[in-house]
Amino acid sequence: GYQFALLVALAENAGRVLSRETLMDLVKGEPPG
């Protein structure tokens, strides 16, 4: 589920460079463990 959310966040912003912080904001949550 987390990997899917990460992929969607990247794909919905195709062509834009996303920092770690921006990805955290877009994915909203922590991966298990």
PDB file of all heavy atoms in Angstrom:
ATOM      1  N   GLY A   1       0.811  -1.205   0.000  1.00  0.00           N
ATOM      2  CA  GLY A   1       0.000   0.000   0.000  1.00  0.00           C
ATOM      3  C   GLY A   1       0.850   1.262   0.000  1.00  0.00           C
ATOM      4  O   GLY A   1       0.555   2.235  -0.699  1.00  0.00           O
ATOM      5  N   TYR A   2       1.922   1.256   0.785  1.00  0.00           N
ATOM      6  CA  TYR A   2       2.795   2.421   0.859  1.00  0.00           C
ATOM      7  C   TYR A   2       3.535   2.632  -0.462  1.00  0.00           C
ATOM      8  O   TYR A   2       3.642   3.762  -0.945  1.00  0.00           O
ATOM      9  CB  TYR A   2       3.788   2.273   2.009  1.00  0.00           C
ATOM     10  CG  TYR A   2       4.523   3.555   2.281  1.00  0.00           C
ATOM     11  CD1 TYR A   2       3.947   4.543   3.056  1.00  0.00           C
ATOM     12  CD2 TYR A   2       5.774   3.789   1.739  1.00  0.00           C
ATOM     13  CE1 TYR A   2       4.601   5.742   3.296  1.00  0.00           C
ATOM     14  CE2 TYR A   2       6.444   4.982   1.969  1.00  0.00           C
ATOM     15  CZ  TYR A   2       5.851   5.952   2.749  1.00  0.00           C
ATOM     16  OH  TYR A   2       6.498   7.138   2.972  1.00  0.00           O
ATOM     17  N   GLN A   3       4.010   1.547  -1.059  1.00  0.00           N
ATOM     18  CA  GLN A   3       4.713   1.653  -2.343  1.00  0.00           C
ATOM     19  C   GLN A   3       3.769   2.165  -3.426  1.00  0.00           C
ATOM     20  O   GLN A   3       4.154   2.980  -4.262  1.00  0.00           O
ATOM     21  CB  GLN A   3       5.301   0.299  -2.740  1.00  0.00           C
ATOM     22  CG  GLN A   3       6.433  -0.141  -1.861  1.00  0.00           C
ATOM     23  CD  GLN A   3       6.763  -1.615  -2.022  1.00  0.00           C
ATOM     24  OE1 GLN A   3       6.122  -2.338  -2.781  1.00  0.00           O
ATOM     25  NE2 GLN A   3       7.767  -2.068  -1.294  1.00  0.00           N
ATOM     26  N   PHE A   4       2.518   1.711  -3.395  1.00  0.00           N
ATOM     27  CA  PHE A   4       1.532   2.178  -4.366  1.00  0.00           C
ATOM     28  C   PHE A   4       1.299   3.674  -4.189  1.00  0.00           C
ATOM     29  O   PHE A   4       1.278   4.431  -5.168  1.00  0.00           O
ATOM     30  CB  PHE A   4       0.213   1.409  -4.228  1.00  0.00           C
ATOM     31  CG  PHE A   4      -0.811   1.818  -5.236  1.00  0.00           C
ATOM     32  CD1 PHE A   4      -0.790   1.296  -6.522  1.00  0.00           C
ATOM     33  CD2 PHE A   4      -1.779   2.750  -4.921  1.00  0.00           C
ATOM     34  CE1 PHE A   4      -1.716   1.698  -7.474  1.00  0.00           C
ATOM     35  CE2 PHE A   4      -2.716   3.159  -5.859  1.00  0.00           C
ATOM     36  CZ  PHE A   4      -2.687   2.628  -7.145  1.00  0.00           C
ATOM     37  N   ALA A   5       1.139   4.129  -2.949  1.00  0.00           N
ATOM     38  CA  ALA A   5       0.924   5.554  -2.678  1.00  0.00           C
ATOM     39  C   ALA A   5       2.120   6.381  -3.151  1.00  0.00           C
ATOM     40  O   ALA A   5       1.954   7.475  -3.704  1.00  0.00           O
ATOM     41  CB  ALA A   5       0.664   5.770  -1.184  1.00  0.00           C
ATOM     42  N   LEU A   6       3.314   5.867  -2.952  1.00  0.00           N
ATOM     43  CA  LEU A   6       4.528   6.548  -3.403  1.00  0.00           C
ATOM     44  C   LEU A   6       4.545   6.652  -4.927  1.00  0.00           C
ATOM     45  O   LEU A   6       4.812   7.724  -5.484  1.00  0.00           O
ATOM     46  CB  LEU A   6       5.752   5.801  -2.898  1.00  0.00           C
ATOM     47  CG  LEU A   6       7.116   6.354  -3.270  1.00  0.00           C
ATOM     48  CD1 LEU A   6       7.307   7.753  -2.700  1.00  0.00           C
ATOM     49  CD2 LEU A   6       8.207   5.433  -2.741  1.00  0.00           C
ATOM     50  N   LEU A   7       4.225   5.565  -5.610  1.00  0.00           N
ATOM     51  CA  LEU A   7       4.190   5.572  -7.079  1.00  0.00           C
ATOM     52  C   LEU A   7       3.149   6.558  -7.594  1.00  0.00           C
ATOM     53  O   LEU A   7       3.414   7.326  -8.522  1.00  0.00           O
ATOM     54  CB  LEU A   7       3.907   4.162  -7.610  1.00  0.00           C
ATOM     55  CG  LEU A   7       3.751   4.037  -9.125  1.00  0.00           C
ATOM     56  CD1 LEU A   7       5.003   4.500  -9.858  1.00  0.00           C
ATOM     57  CD2 LEU A   7       3.395   2.603  -9.504  1.00  0.00           C
ATOM     58  N   VAL A   8       1.968   6.565  -6.999  1.00  0.00           N
ATOM     59  CA  VAL A   8       0.914   7.493  -7.436  1.00  0.00           C
ATOM     60  C   VAL A   8       1.359   8.940  -7.224  1.00  0.00           C
ATOM     61  O   VAL A   8       1.171   9.787  -8.104  1.00  0.00           O
ATOM     62  CB  VAL A   8      -0.424   7.198  -6.709  1.00  0.00           C
ATOM     63  CG1 VAL A   8      -1.425   8.321  -6.927  1.00  0.00           C
ATOM     64  CG2 VAL A   8      -1.003   5.876  -7.188  1.00  0.00           C
ATOM     65  N   ALA A   9       1.971   9.224  -6.080  1.00  0.00           N
ATOM     66  CA  ALA A   9       2.449  10.587  -5.818  1.00  0.00           C
ATOM     67  C   ALA A   9       3.453  11.022  -6.873  1.00  0.00           C
ATOM     68  O   ALA A   9       3.389  12.151  -7.381  1.00  0.00           O
ATOM     69  CB  ALA A   9       3.066  10.670  -4.423  1.00  0.00           C
ATOM     70  N   LEU A  10       4.364  10.139  -7.236  1.00  0.00           N
ATOM     71  CA  LEU A  10       5.348  10.460  -8.270  1.00  0.00           C
ATOM     72  C   LEU A  10       4.679  10.623  -9.636  1.00  0.00           C
ATOM     73  O   LEU A  10       4.943  11.583 -10.355  1.00  0.00           O
ATOM     74  CB  LEU A  10       6.429   9.380  -8.325  1.00  0.00           C
ATOM     75  CG  LEU A  10       7.422   9.375  -7.166  1.00  0.00           C
ATOM     76  CD1 LEU A  10       8.140   8.037  -7.072  1.00  0.00           C
ATOM     77  CD2 LEU A  10       8.423  10.511  -7.323  1.00  0.00           C
ATOM     78  N   ALA A  11       3.790   9.681  -9.984  1.00  0.00           N
ATOM     79  CA  ALA A  11       3.148   9.695 -11.303  1.00  0.00           C
ATOM     80  C   ALA A  11       2.240  10.909 -11.477  1.00  0.00           C
ATOM     81  O   ALA A  11       2.190  11.499 -12.561  1.00  0.00           O
ATOM     82  CB  ALA A  11       2.357   8.405 -11.513  1.00  0.00           C
ATOM     83  N   GLU A  12       1.524  11.304 -10.436  1.00  0.00           N
ATOM     84  CA  GLU A  12       0.642  12.453 -10.536  1.00  0.00           C
ATOM     85  C   GLU A  12       1.425  13.757 -10.692  1.00  0.00           C
ATOM     86  O   GLU A  12       0.858  14.772 -11.054  1.00  0.00           O
ATOM     87  CB  GLU A  12      -0.283  12.536  -9.320  1.00  0.00           C
ATOM     88  CG  GLU A  12      -1.365  11.470  -9.348  1.00  0.00           C
ATOM     89  CD  GLU A  12      -2.267  11.489  -8.123  1.00  0.00           C
ATOM     90  OE1 GLU A  12      -1.860  12.047  -7.069  1.00  0.00           O
ATOM     91  OE2 GLU A  12      -3.372  10.935  -8.226  1.00  0.00           O
ATOM     92  N   ASN A  13       2.708  13.696 -10.396  1.00  0.00           N
ATOM     93  CA  ASN A  13       3.581  14.867 -10.526  1.00  0.00           C
ATOM     94  C   ASN A  13       4.672  14.623 -11.562  1.00  0.00           C
ATOM     95  O   ASN A  13       5.793  15.118 -11.427  1.00  0.00           O
ATOM     96  CB  ASN A  13       4.194  15.197  -9.165  1.00  0.00           C
ATOM     97  CG  ASN A  13       3.168  15.724  -8.204  1.00  0.00           C
ATOM     98  OD1 ASN A  13       2.800  16.887  -8.254  1.00  0.00           O
ATOM     99  ND2 ASN A  13       2.664  14.856  -7.337  1.00  0.00           N
ATOM    100  N   ALA A  14       4.346  13.836 -12.583  1.00  0.00           N
ATOM    101  CA  ALA A  14       5.319  13.487 -13.618  1.00  0.00           C
ATOM    102  C   ALA A  14       5.982  14.728 -14.185  1.00  0.00           C
ATOM    103  O   ALA A  14       5.330  15.731 -14.461  1.00  0.00           O
ATOM    104  CB  ALA A  14       4.639  12.700 -14.733  1.00  0.00           C
ATOM    105  N   GLY A  15       7.302  14.649 -14.305  1.00  0.00           N
ATOM    106  CA  GLY A  15       8.066  15.749 -14.856  1.00  0.00           C
ATOM    107  C   GLY A  15       8.557  16.743 -13.816  1.00  0.00           C
ATOM    108  O   GLY A  15       9.384  17.588 -14.123  1.00  0.00           O
ATOM    109  N   ARG A  16       8.053  16.654 -12.598  1.00  0.00           N
ATOM    110  CA  ARG A  16       8.472  17.547 -11.516  1.00  0.00           C
ATOM    111  C   ARG A  16       9.430  16.813 -10.592  1.00  0.00           C
ATOM    112  O   ARG A  16       9.200  15.664 -10.232  1.00  0.00           O
ATOM    113  CB  ARG A  16       7.272  17.981 -10.662  1.00  0.00           C
ATOM    114  CG  ARG A  16       6.355  18.939 -11.348  1.00  0.00           C
ATOM    115  CD  ARG A  16       5.235  19.410 -10.433  1.00  0.00           C
ATOM    116  NE  ARG A  16       5.761  19.937  -9.182  1.00  0.00           N
ATOM    117  CZ  ARG A  16       5.117  19.868  -8.020  1.00  0.00           C
ATOM    118  NH1 ARG A  16       3.941  19.284  -7.941  1.00  0.00           N
ATOM    119  NH2 ARG A  16       5.645  20.389  -6.933  1.00  0.00           N
ATOM    120  N   VAL A  17      10.487  17.493 -10.180  1.00  0.00           N
ATOM    121  CA  VAL A  17      11.411  16.924  -9.201  1.00  0.00           C
ATOM    122  C   VAL A  17      10.763  17.058  -7.830  1.00  0.00           C
ATOM    123  O   VAL A  17      10.341  18.145  -7.439  1.00  0.00           O
ATOM    124  CB  VAL A  17      12.774  17.647  -9.212  1.00  0.00           C
ATOM    125  CG1 VAL A  17      13.685  17.094  -8.135  1.00  0.00           C
ATOM    126  CG2 VAL A  17      13.425  17.510 -10.586  1.00  0.00           C
ATOM    127  N   LEU A  18      10.648  15.931  -7.133  1.00  0.00           N
ATOM    128  CA  LEU A  18      10.048  15.919  -5.803  1.00  0.00           C
ATOM    129  C   LEU A  18      11.109  15.575  -4.765  1.00  0.00           C
ATOM    130  O   LEU A  18      11.769  14.543  -4.867  1.00  0.00           O
ATOM    131  CB  LEU A  18       8.914  14.901  -5.725  1.00  0.00           C
ATOM    132  CG  LEU A  18       7.750  15.112  -6.690  1.00  0.00           C
ATOM    133  CD1 LEU A  18       6.734  13.989  -6.550  1.00  0.00           C
ATOM    134  CD2 LEU A  18       7.082  16.459  -6.474  1.00  0.00           C
ATOM    135  N   SER A  19      11.240  16.423  -3.763  1.00  0.00           N
ATOM    136  CA  SER A  19      12.178  16.166  -2.672  1.00  0.00           C
ATOM    137  C   SER A  19      11.593  15.126  -1.721  1.00  0.00           C
ATOM    138  O   SER A  19      10.402  14.803  -1.786  1.00  0.00           O
ATOM    139  CB  SER A  19      12.446  17.463  -1.893  1.00  0.00           C
ATOM    140  OG  SER A  19      11.266  17.855  -1.207  1.00  0.00           O
ATOM    141  N   ARG A  20      12.411  14.618  -0.799  1.00  0.00           N
ATOM    142  CA  ARG A  20      11.921  13.683   0.216  1.00  0.00           C
ATOM    143  C   ARG A  20      10.780  14.293   1.010  1.00  0.00           C
ATOM    144  O   ARG A  20       9.784  13.639   1.296  1.00  0.00           O
ATOM    145  CB  ARG A  20      13.041  13.314   1.187  1.00  0.00           C
ATOM    146  CG  ARG A  20      14.063  12.399   0.639  1.00  0.00           C
ATOM    147  CD  ARG A  20      15.044  12.080   1.731  1.00  0.00           C
ATOM    148  NE  ARG A  20      16.139  11.293   1.209  1.00  0.00           N
ATOM    149  CZ  ARG A  20      17.050  10.734   1.964  1.00  0.00           C
ATOM    150  NH1 ARG A  20      17.020  10.879   3.263  1.00  0.00           N
ATOM    151  NH2 ARG A  20      18.005  10.023   1.414  1.00  0.00           N
ATOM    152  N   GLU A  21      10.945  15.565   1.390  1.00  0.00           N
ATOM    153  CA  GLU A  21       9.930  16.230   2.197  1.00  0.00           C
ATOM    154  C   GLU A  21       8.607  16.348   1.438  1.00  0.00           C
ATOM    155  O   GLU A  21       7.535  16.127   1.999  1.00  0.00           O
ATOM    156  CB  GLU A  21      10.420  17.619   2.625  1.00  0.00           C
ATOM    157  CG  GLU A  21      11.585  17.587   3.591  1.00  0.00           C
ATOM    158  CD  GLU A  21      12.936  17.294   2.919  1.00  0.00           C
ATOM    159  OE1 GLU A  21      13.079  17.484   1.680  1.00  0.00           O
ATOM    160  OE2 GLU A  21      13.847  16.832   3.630  1.00  0.00           O
ATOM    161  N   THR A  22       8.691  16.691   0.167  1.00  0.00           N
ATOM    162  CA  THR A  22       7.480  16.794  -0.641  1.00  0.00           C
ATOM    163  C   THR A  22       6.815  15.429  -0.767  1.00  0.00           C
ATOM    164  O   THR A  22       5.594  15.321  -0.649  1.00  0.00           O
ATOM    165  CB  THR A  22       7.800  17.363  -2.035  1.00  0.00           C
ATOM    166  OG1 THR A  22       8.389  18.657  -1.869  1.00  0.00           O
ATOM    167  CG2 THR A  22       6.559  17.474  -2.896  1.00  0.00           C
ATOM    168  N   LEU A  23       7.605  14.384  -0.992  1.00  0.00           N
ATOM    169  CA  LEU A  23       7.039  13.031  -1.070  1.00  0.00           C
ATOM    170  C   LEU A  23       6.355  12.652   0.236  1.00  0.00           C
ATOM    171  O   LEU A  23       5.270  12.073   0.232  1.00  0.00           O
ATOM    172  CB  LEU A  23       8.118  12.015  -1.426  1.00  0.00           C
ATOM    173  CG  LEU A  23       8.503  11.958  -2.889  1.00  0.00           C
ATOM    174  CD1 LEU A  23       9.725  11.068  -3.088  1.00  0.00           C
ATOM    175  CD2 LEU A  23       7.349  11.479  -3.744  1.00  0.00           C
ATOM    176  N   MET A  24       6.968  12.993   1.371  1.00  0.00           N
ATOM    177  CA  MET A  24       6.356  12.691   2.672  1.00  0.00           C
ATOM    178  C   MET A  24       4.998  13.367   2.775  1.00  0.00           C
ATOM    179  O   MET A  24       4.032  12.758   3.225  1.00  0.00           O
ATOM    180  CB  MET A  24       7.239  13.177   3.822  1.00  0.00           C
ATOM    181  CG  MET A  24       8.383  12.257   4.110  1.00  0.00           C
ATOM    182  SD  MET A  24       9.320  12.632   5.622  1.00  0.00           S
ATOM    183  CE  MET A  24       9.037  14.330   5.965  1.00  0.00           C
ATOM    184  N   ASP A  25       4.927  14.614   2.356  1.00  0.00           N
ATOM    185  CA  ASP A  25       3.663  15.344   2.418  1.00  0.00           C
ATOM    186  C   ASP A  25       2.610  14.707   1.509  1.00  0.00           C
ATOM    187  O   ASP A  25       1.439  14.621   1.867  1.00  0.00           O
ATOM    188  CB  ASP A  25       3.854  16.805   2.016  1.00  0.00           C
ATOM    189  CG  ASP A  25       4.620  17.606   3.055  1.00  0.00           C
ATOM    190  OD1 ASP A  25       4.729  17.143   4.215  1.00  0.00           O
ATOM    191  OD2 ASP A  25       5.130  18.686   2.699  1.00  0.00           O
ATOM    192  N   LEU A  26       3.024  14.271   0.331  1.00  0.00           N
ATOM    193  CA  LEU A  26       2.088  13.683  -0.631  1.00  0.00           C
ATOM    194  C   LEU A  26       1.628  12.291  -0.225  1.00  0.00           C
ATOM    195  O   LEU A  26       0.470  11.932  -0.428  1.00  0.00           O
ATOM    196  CB  LEU A  26       2.723  13.638  -2.023  1.00  0.00           C
ATOM    197  CG  LEU A  26       2.977  14.991  -2.687  1.00  0.00           C
ATOM    198  CD1 LEU A  26       3.784  14.811  -3.964  1.00  0.00           C
ATOM    199  CD2 LEU A  26       1.662  15.705  -2.971  1.00  0.00           C
ATOM    200  N   VAL A  27       2.526  11.500   0.339  1.00  0.00           N
ATOM    201  CA  VAL A  27       2.194  10.118   0.688  1.00  0.00           C
ATOM    202  C   VAL A  27       1.467  10.065   2.030  1.00  0.00           C
ATOM    203  O   VAL A  27       0.637   9.199   2.253  1.00  0.00           O
ATOM    204  CB  VAL A  27       3.463   9.233   0.674  1.00  0.00           C
ATOM    205  CG1 VAL A  27       3.159   7.837   1.169  1.00  0.00           C
ATOM    206  CG2 VAL A  27       4.038   9.174  -0.732  1.00  0.00           C
ATOM    207  N   LYS A  28       1.764  10.975   2.921  1.00  0.00           N
ATOM    208  CA  LYS A  28       1.086  11.091   4.216  1.00  0.00           C
ATOM    209  C   LYS A  28       1.070   9.790   4.997  1.00  0.00           C
ATOM    210  O   LYS A  28       0.117   9.040   4.966  1.00  0.00           O
ATOM    211  CB  LYS A  28      -0.337  11.595   4.026  1.00  0.00           C
ATOM    212  CG  LYS A  28      -0.399  13.006   3.547  1.00  0.00           C
ATOM    213  CD  LYS A  28      -1.826  13.474   3.534  1.00  0.00           C
ATOM    214  CE  LYS A  28      -1.958  14.895   3.144  1.00  0.00           C
ATOM    215  NZ  LYS A  28      -1.654  15.252   1.808  1.00  0.00           N
ATOM    216  N   GLY A  29       2.116   9.540   5.671  1.00  0.00           N
ATOM    217  CA  GLY A  29       2.156   8.364   6.518  1.00  0.00           C
ATOM    218  C   GLY A  29       3.531   7.760   6.532  1.00  0.00           C
ATOM    219  O   GLY A  29       4.397   8.134   5.748  1.00  0.00           O
ATOM    220  N   GLU A  30       3.707   6.861   7.426  1.00  0.00           N
ATOM    221  CA  GLU A  30       4.990   6.195   7.529  1.00  0.00           C
ATOM    222  C   GLU A  30       4.859   4.760   7.056  1.00  0.00           C
ATOM    223  O   GLU A  30       3.858   4.103   7.323  1.00  0.00           O
ATOM    224  CB  GLU A  30       5.477   6.198   8.974  1.00  0.00           C
ATOM    225  CG  GLU A  30       5.819   7.575   9.473  1.00  0.00           C
ATOM    226  CD  GLU A  30       6.501   7.534  10.818  1.00  0.00           C
ATOM    227  OE1 GLU A  30       7.135   6.519  11.139  1.00  0.00           O
ATOM    228  OE2 GLU A  30       6.392   8.523  11.536  1.00  0.00           O
ATOM    229  N   PRO A  31       5.865   4.277   6.369  1.00  0.00           N
ATOM    230  CA  PRO A  31       5.847   2.875   5.977  1.00  0.00           C
ATOM    231  C   PRO A  31       5.962   2.005   7.223  1.00  0.00           C
ATOM    232  O   PRO A  31       6.564   2.416   8.209  1.00  0.00           O
ATOM    233  CB  PRO A  31       7.075   2.733   5.085  1.00  0.00           C
ATOM    234  CG  PRO A  31       7.949   3.876   5.444  1.00  0.00           C
ATOM    235  CD  PRO A  31       7.058   4.972   5.934  1.00  0.00           C
ATOM    236  N   PRO A  32       5.364   0.821   7.208  1.00  0.00           N
ATOM    237  CA  PRO A  32       5.426  -0.057   8.363  1.00  0.00           C
ATOM    238  C   PRO A  32       6.868  -0.358   8.757  1.00  0.00           C
ATOM    239  O   PRO A  32       7.722  -0.614   7.914  1.00  0.00           O
ATOM    240  CB  PRO A  32       4.725  -1.331   7.887  1.00  0.00           C
ATOM    241  CG  PRO A  32       4.031  -0.973   6.631  1.00  0.00           C
ATOM    242  CD  PRO A  32       4.673   0.251   6.086  1.00  0.00           C
ATOM    243  N   GLY A  33       7.151  -0.302  10.058  1.00  0.00           N
ATOM    244  CA  GLY A  33       8.467  -0.669  10.570  1.00  0.00           C
ATOM    245  C   GLY A  33       9.556   0.343  10.305  1.00  0.00           C
ATOM    246  O   GLY A  33      10.723   0.070  10.529  1.00  0.00           O
TER     247      GLY A  33
END
